[in-house]
Protein backbone atom coordinates (compact mmCIF):
# COMPACT_ATOMS: atom_id res chain seq x y z
CA UNK A 1 0.00 0.00 0.00
CA UNK A 2 2.86 2.34 0.84
CA UNK A 3 4.26 1.89 -2.67
CA UNK A 4 1.07 3.34 -4.21
CA UNK A 5 1.24 6.52 -2.14
CA UNK A 6 2.38 9.74 -3.83
CA UNK A 7 3.07 13.21 -2.57
CA UNK A 8 0.05 15.42 -3.17
CA UNK A 9 1.87 17.94 -5.37
CA UNK A 10 3.19 15.13 -7.59
CA UNK A 11 -0.27 13.58 -7.79
CA UNK A 12 -1.77 16.89 -8.93
CA UNK A 13 1.08 17.51 -11.39
CA UNK A 14 0.64 14.11 -13.02
CA UNK A 15 -3.01 14.82 -13.71
CA UNK A 16 -1.92 17.72 -15.92
CA UNK A 17 -3.89 20.24 -13.87
CA UNK A 18 -0.79 22.33 -13.14
CA UNK A 19 2.90 22.04 -12.29
CA UNK A 20 4.15 20.77 -8.91
CA UNK A 21 5.23 24.27 -7.90
CA UNK A 22 1.78 25.62 -8.71
CA UNK A 23 0.26 22.68 -6.82
CA UNK A 24 2.30 23.64 -3.73
CA UNK A 25 0.81 27.14 -3.93
CA UNK A 26 -2.72 25.73 -4.18
CA UNK A 27 -2.10 23.47 -1.16
CA UNK A 28 -0.63 26.36 0.81
CA UNK A 29 -3.67 28.53 0.01
CA UNK A 30 -6.02 25.80 1.27
CA UNK A 31 -7.72 25.30 -2.09
CA UNK A 32 -7.03 21.55 -2.15
CA UNK A 33 -8.96 18.88 -0.24
CA UNK A 34 -8.43 15.14 0.21
CA UNK A 35 -11.62 13.27 0.97
CA UNK A 36 -13.12 16.58 2.14
CA UNK A 37 -10.21 17.51 4.45
CA UNK A 38 -7.73 20.34 3.84
CA UNK A 39 -4.27 18.67 3.88
CA UNK A 40 -0.87 19.89 5.00
CA UNK A 41 2.18 20.28 2.79
CA UNK A 42 3.88 16.93 2.08
CA UNK A 43 0.73 14.87 2.53
CA UNK A 44 0.64 11.64 0.53
CA UNK A 45 -2.38 10.27 -1.31
CA UNK A 46 -3.38 6.92 -2.77
CA UNK A 47 -5.18 6.28 -6.07
CA UNK A 48 -8.38 5.70 -4.11
CA UNK A 49 -8.39 9.14 -2.45
CA UNK A 50 -10.71 11.86 -3.74
CA UNK A 51 -8.68 14.99 -4.50
CA UNK A 52 -10.48 18.23 -5.27
CA UNK A 53 -9.31 21.73 -6.16
CA UNK A 54 -11.77 24.54 -5.45
CA UNK A 55 -14.39 21.84 -4.93
CA UNK A 56 -13.87 20.24 -8.34
CA UNK A 57 -12.71 16.64 -8.65
CA UNK A 58 -9.42 16.64 -10.57
CA UNK A 59 -9.45 12.92 -11.34
CA UNK A 60 -12.21 10.38 -11.42
CA UNK A 61 -10.78 7.00 -10.48
CA UNK A 62 -13.39 5.36 -12.68
CA UNK A 63 -12.57 7.61 -15.64
CA UNK A 64 -11.47 5.88 -18.81
CA UNK A 65 -7.80 6.46 -19.69
CA UNK A 66 -7.28 8.31 -22.95
CA UNK A 67 -4.28 8.01 -25.27
CA UNK A 68 -4.24 10.13 -28.41
CA UNK A 69 -1.77 10.46 -31.27
CA UNK A 70 -1.83 14.01 -32.64
CA UNK A 71 -0.09 15.52 -35.67
CA UNK A 72 0.75 18.97 -34.33
CA UNK A 73 0.88 21.78 -36.89
CA UNK A 74 3.54 24.50 -36.88
CA UNK A 75 2.56 27.43 -34.65
CA UNK A 76 0.76 25.46 -31.92
CA UNK A 77 2.15 25.73 -28.36
CA UNK A 78 2.45 22.48 -26.35
CA UNK A 79 1.05 23.88 -23.11
CA UNK A 80 -2.02 23.35 -20.95
CA UNK A 81 -2.09 27.05 -20.07
CA UNK A 82 -5.31 28.18 -21.70
CA UNK A 83 -4.20 31.83 -21.50
CA UNK A 84 -1.52 31.16 -24.12
CA UNK A 85 -2.80 31.82 -27.65
CA UNK A 86 -2.86 28.78 -29.98
CA UNK A 87 -2.36 26.31 -27.11
CA UNK A 88 -2.63 22.63 -27.93
CA UNK A 89 -5.58 21.92 -25.60
CA UNK A 90 -7.84 24.50 -27.21
CA UNK A 91 -6.73 23.47 -30.69
CA UNK A 92 -7.73 19.81 -30.22
CA UNK A 93 -10.84 20.76 -28.20
CA UNK A 94 -11.24 17.24 -26.82
CA UNK A 95 -14.34 16.72 -24.63
CA UNK A 96 -12.23 15.32 -21.76
CA UNK A 97 -9.36 17.11 -20.06
CA UNK A 98 -6.08 15.86 -21.54
CA UNK A 99 -2.49 17.10 -21.62
CA UNK A 100 0.56 16.50 -23.86
CA UNK A 101 3.32 14.01 -23.06
CA UNK A 102 6.44 16.07 -23.59
CA UNK A 103 6.54 18.93 -26.03
CA UNK A 104 7.34 19.89 -29.58
CA UNK A 105 8.68 23.34 -30.48
CA UNK A 106 6.21 25.89 -31.79
CA UNK A 107 8.15 26.00 -35.07
CA UNK A 108 8.12 22.18 -35.36
CA UNK A 109 5.40 19.76 -36.39
CA UNK A 110 4.61 16.09 -36.10
CA UNK A 111 3.66 13.37 -33.66
CA UNK A 112 2.88 14.06 -30.01
CA UNK A 113 0.88 12.04 -27.46
CA UNK A 114 -2.07 13.46 -25.51
CA UNK A 115 -3.44 11.66 -22.44
CA UNK A 116 -5.12 11.92 -19.06
CA UNK A 117 -2.84 9.23 -17.57
CA UNK A 118 -0.16 10.90 -15.46
CA UNK A 119 1.58 7.61 -14.63
CA UNK A 120 2.75 7.07 -18.19
CA UNK A 121 4.33 10.51 -18.60
CA UNK A 122 7.54 9.95 -16.60
CA UNK A 123 8.03 6.48 -18.08
CA UNK A 124 8.09 7.90 -21.61
CA UNK A 125 9.95 11.14 -20.94
CA UNK A 126 12.67 9.89 -18.59
CA UNK A 127 15.90 10.32 -20.56
CA UNK A 128 17.64 7.22 -19.18
CA UNK A 129 14.92 5.00 -20.63
CA UNK A 130 16.48 5.37 -24.09
CA UNK A 131 13.13 5.58 -25.84
CA UNK A 132 13.53 6.39 -29.52
CA UNK A 133 12.06 9.44 -31.22
CA UNK A 134 12.51 9.78 -34.97
CA UNK A 135 12.58 13.05 -36.96
CA UNK A 136 13.00 14.29 -40.51
CA UNK A 137 14.96 17.54 -40.70
CA UNK A 138 15.42 20.04 -43.53
CA UNK A 139 18.43 22.39 -43.43
CA UNK A 140 19.45 25.49 -45.36
CA UNK A 141 22.53 24.12 -47.16
CA UNK A 142 23.70 20.89 -48.78
CA UNK A 143 24.38 18.03 -46.37
CA UNK A 144 27.88 16.53 -46.35
CA UNK A 145 29.21 13.19 -45.14
CA UNK A 146 31.20 15.07 -42.50
CA UNK A 147 27.99 16.67 -41.19
CA UNK A 148 26.23 13.28 -40.92
CA UNK A 149 29.23 11.79 -39.13
CA UNK A 150 29.51 14.61 -36.60
CA UNK A 151 25.77 14.66 -35.88
CA UNK A 152 25.84 10.92 -35.20
CA UNK A 153 28.89 10.97 -32.92
CA UNK A 154 27.63 13.68 -30.58
CA UNK A 155 27.69 17.47 -30.55
CA UNK A 156 28.61 19.73 -27.59
CA UNK A 157 25.54 21.77 -26.60
CA UNK A 158 24.08 23.00 -23.31
CA UNK A 159 27.26 22.16 -21.31
CA UNK A 160 27.15 18.50 -22.40
CA UNK A 161 27.76 16.29 -25.43
CA UNK A 162 24.74 14.70 -27.05
CA UNK A 163 24.46 10.93 -27.13
CA UNK A 164 25.50 9.05 -30.20
CA UNK A 165 22.52 8.62 -32.50
CA UNK A 166 21.47 7.26 -35.89
CA UNK A 167 21.62 9.80 -38.71
CA UNK A 168 20.81 9.08 -42.36
CA UNK A 169 20.79 11.42 -45.34
CA UNK A 170 17.57 11.33 -47.36
CA UNK A 171 18.22 14.03 -49.96
CA UNK A 172 20.47 17.02 -50.61
CA UNK A 173 18.89 19.09 -47.82
CA UNK A 174 16.96 16.51 -45.75
CA UNK A 175 18.19 13.95 -43.23
CA UNK A 176 16.61 11.55 -40.73
CA UNK A 177 17.73 11.35 -37.10
CA UNK A 178 16.74 9.04 -34.22
CA UNK A 179 17.28 10.42 -30.71
CA UNK A 180 17.10 8.73 -27.31
CA UNK A 181 17.27 11.95 -25.29
CA UNK A 182 15.27 15.14 -25.30
CA UNK A 183 17.37 18.23 -24.64
CA UNK A 184 15.83 21.63 -25.19
CA UNK A 185 15.71 22.35 -28.95
CA UNK A 186 18.32 19.62 -29.34
CA UNK A 187 18.30 19.09 -33.11
CA UNK A 188 18.24 22.81 -33.87
CA UNK A 189 21.14 23.46 -31.49
CA UNK A 190 23.16 20.55 -32.92
CA UNK A 191 22.73 21.83 -36.48
CA UNK A 192 23.50 25.39 -35.43
CA UNK A 193 26.75 24.28 -33.81
CA UNK A 194 27.83 22.72 -37.12
CA UNK A 195 26.93 25.84 -39.09
CA UNK A 196 23.51 24.72 -40.38
CA UNK A 197 20.07 26.21 -39.87
CA UNK A 198 16.95 24.07 -39.55
CA UNK A 199 14.20 25.23 -41.89
CA UNK A 200 11.72 22.40 -41.15
CA UNK A 201 11.51 19.75 -38.43
CA UNK A 202 8.96 16.96 -38.21
CA UNK A 203 8.65 14.13 -35.67
CA UNK A 204 7.49 10.96 -37.38
CA UNK A 205 7.79 8.31 -34.64
CA UNK A 206 7.71 7.91 -30.84
CA UNK A 207 8.84 4.45 -29.64
CA UNK A 208 6.48 2.08 -31.48
CA UNK A 209 3.93 4.62 -32.75
CA UNK A 210 4.52 6.10 -36.21
CA UNK A 211 2.85 9.19 -37.64
CA UNK A 212 -0.02 8.26 -39.98
CA UNK A 213 -2.27 11.33 -39.71
CA UNK A 214 -2.81 14.50 -41.72
CA UNK A 215 -1.56 17.72 -40.11
CA UNK A 216 -3.90 18.92 -37.36
CA UNK A 217 -5.73 15.60 -36.93
CA UNK A 218 -5.69 13.16 -34.00
CA UNK A 219 -6.74 9.58 -33.30
CA UNK A 220 -6.91 7.22 -30.32
CA UNK A 221 -4.21 4.61 -29.97
CA UNK A 222 -5.40 1.08 -30.61
CA UNK A 223 -5.42 -1.49 -27.82
CA UNK A 224 -2.59 -3.36 -29.58
CA UNK A 225 -0.47 -0.19 -29.71
CA UNK A 226 -1.11 0.55 -26.02
CA UNK A 227 -0.21 -3.00 -24.98
CA UNK A 228 3.03 -2.90 -26.94
CA UNK A 229 3.82 0.60 -25.65
CA UNK A 230 3.35 -0.52 -22.04
CA UNK A 231 5.65 -3.48 -22.60
CA UNK A 232 8.38 -1.23 -24.00
CA UNK A 233 8.22 1.17 -21.06
CA UNK A 234 8.03 -1.46 -18.33
CA UNK A 235 10.52 -1.00 -15.42
CA UNK A 236 12.36 -4.17 -16.47
CA UNK A 237 13.40 -2.45 -19.70
CA UNK A 238 14.63 0.71 -17.97
CA UNK A 239 17.94 -0.65 -16.78
CA UNK A 240 21.12 -0.53 -18.81
CA UNK A 241 21.51 -4.29 -18.49
CA UNK A 242 18.31 -4.84 -20.41
CA UNK A 243 19.63 -2.77 -23.32
CA UNK A 244 22.89 -4.77 -23.56
CA UNK A 245 23.09 -7.50 -26.24
CA UNK A 246 22.72 -11.05 -25.01
CA UNK A 247 25.82 -13.24 -24.97
CA UNK A 248 26.28 -15.37 -28.08
CA UNK A 249 27.06 -19.09 -28.04
CA UNK A 250 30.73 -18.42 -28.70
CA UNK A 251 30.90 -15.94 -25.81
CA UNK A 252 29.30 -18.47 -23.48
CA UNK A 253 31.77 -21.18 -24.50
CA UNK A 254 34.73 -18.89 -23.86
CA UNK A 255 33.40 -17.88 -20.47
CA UNK A 256 32.91 -21.54 -19.56
CA UNK A 257 36.46 -22.35 -20.63
CA UNK A 258 37.79 -19.75 -18.23
CA UNK A 259 35.96 -21.30 -15.29
CA UNK A 260 37.68 -24.09 -13.27
CA UNK A 261 36.48 -27.57 -14.17
CA UNK A 262 36.30 -28.88 -10.61
CA UNK A 263 35.67 -27.53 -7.16
CA UNK A 264 39.18 -28.64 -6.16
CA UNK A 265 40.75 -26.35 -8.77
CA UNK A 266 38.63 -23.50 -7.52
CA UNK A 267 39.75 -24.14 -3.94
CA UNK A 268 43.40 -24.26 -4.99
CA UNK A 269 43.08 -20.92 -6.74
CA UNK A 270 41.94 -19.39 -3.49
CA UNK A 271 44.42 -21.28 -1.26
CA UNK A 272 47.66 -20.58 -3.16
CA UNK A 273 47.63 -16.78 -2.81
CA UNK A 274 46.70 -17.09 0.85
CA UNK A 275 49.54 -19.57 1.42
CA UNK A 276 52.07 -17.30 -0.26
CA UNK A 277 51.00 -14.32 1.84
CA UNK A 278 51.24 -16.42 5.02
CA UNK A 279 54.78 -17.58 4.15
CA UNK A 280 55.88 -14.01 3.51
CA UNK A 281 54.62 -12.94 6.90
CA UNK A 282 56.33 -15.85 8.70
CA UNK A 283 59.71 -15.52 6.93
CA UNK A 284 60.28 -12.00 5.77
CA UNK A 285 63.11 -11.57 3.31
CA UNK A 286 66.44 -10.48 4.86
CA UNK A 287 67.76 -7.32 3.39
CA UNK A 288 71.49 -6.88 2.85
CA UNK A 289 73.14 -3.87 4.43
CA UNK A 290 73.28 -0.93 2.17
CA UNK A 291 77.09 -0.75 2.49
CA UNK A 292 77.46 -4.31 1.13
CA UNK A 293 74.96 -3.98 -1.64
CA UNK A 294 76.38 -0.81 -3.03
CA UNK A 295 79.14 1.66 -2.43
CA UNK A 296 78.20 5.24 -2.23
CA UNK A 297 80.80 7.34 -4.00
CA UNK A 298 80.51 11.03 -3.36
CA UNK A 299 80.48 13.14 -6.44
CA UNK A 300 83.45 15.42 -6.96
CA UNK A 301 82.66 18.81 -8.21
CA UNK A 302 85.02 21.68 -8.96
CA UNK A 303 83.40 24.35 -6.92
CA UNK A 304 84.74 27.81 -7.60
CA UNK A 305 84.41 30.40 -4.90
CA UNK A 306 81.78 32.90 -5.69
CA UNK A 307 83.17 36.37 -5.94
CA UNK A 308 81.01 38.98 -4.42
CA UNK A 309 80.65 42.13 -6.52
CA UNK A 310 81.46 44.42 -3.61
CA UNK A 311 84.73 42.63 -2.71
CA UNK A 312 85.82 42.52 -6.37
CA UNK A 313 85.27 46.25 -6.73
CA UNK A 314 87.31 46.98 -3.59
CA UNK A 315 90.23 44.90 -4.91
CA UNK A 316 90.20 46.82 -8.18
CA UNK A 317 90.29 50.14 -6.29
CA UNK A 318 93.26 48.97 -4.17
CA UNK A 319 95.24 47.90 -7.25
CA UNK A 320 94.44 51.17 -8.95
CA UNK A 321 95.59 53.11 -5.86
CA UNK A 322 98.88 51.16 -5.69
CA UNK A 323 99.54 51.75 -9.37
CA UNK A 324 98.85 55.44 -8.99
CA UNK A 325 101.05 55.83 -5.88
CA UNK A 326 103.91 53.87 -7.58
CA UNK A 327 103.70 56.12 -10.61
CA UNK A 328 103.85 59.21 -8.37
CA UNK A 329 106.93 57.86 -6.51
CA UNK A 330 108.70 56.99 -9.77
CA UNK A 331 107.95 60.41 -11.18
CA UNK A 332 109.24 62.25 -8.07
CA UNK A 333 112.35 60.11 -7.45
CA UNK A 334 113.44 59.39 -11.01
CA UNK A 335 116.30 61.95 -10.72
CA UNK A 336 117.34 60.86 -7.20
CA UNK A 337 120.68 58.98 -7.45
CA UNK A 338 120.11 57.07 -4.22
CA UNK A 339 116.77 55.78 -5.51
CA UNK A 340 118.43 54.53 -8.72
CA UNK A 341 121.19 52.76 -6.76
CA UNK A 342 118.65 50.73 -4.80
CA UNK A 343 117.41 49.34 -8.04
CA UNK A 344 113.86 50.38 -7.42
CA UNK A 345 113.69 52.50 -10.50
């Protein structure tokens, strides 16, 4: 029972009535009731509870679930805000209250789902589910092999690099792309990064549902389509392991060859390393003294004394003074006979 409980703001948001933030404001203002009682923030509800906003029931538990495929025209806004001109709800004018699963840019056209089932929204939109969405794109200049390659290998946009995807050229200006993530204006931003401008963008497939409607028309999904869709978005197919290819016969044989044939071999594989570690602890290796293993020979370097600039200058001044004084003595005593006799001249 606990698993079926949801926070009230999430419950309201999944009905498409408003966003969770707006739901918090409604709860805070006391406009929401659960089974006739005004709840507190953070209250959880079950599918059997009766939730009303301003006295109006926002979901009838006995209400039939609706799943529509709609071919959205260019210029229609994917919003449930009825104050926005050309919003998708007013355009379809369905007798029951429904809301879009995801969105498609105003300048884009193509397939989009409309429903009153809030539980299916997160399963389809969650990026890690790797659900495929296929588009045809027209650009403003001729497509090159380099462009196709770079689009398929990932393009840096919005502080990330897009996932690798399938890209195929259809004509000179048109290509097909299959995405498994839904970044904001992803295809337009990818093309813009590579120097191209998107002139037309059309979504032609979501998971297992392909577009088969004229522009502006909608239809209900068939029971077969809904069953297959639910299988593809089951929790078991959300994990990365489920998306990995199954091992082939050759892979299985190789993996079996690597396994030990008997339990005894398996035990030995575990025992040998343990035995080696135990022996090392009991008898640690004796290290030779460093003096015996190698002789350390000090390096001989011819180190010249560093002459300080101040001392060198003083020596030059002393030599200059001696030379000057000697010259003065020689000049004064050059005619003195006694000075000549001493041989100092």
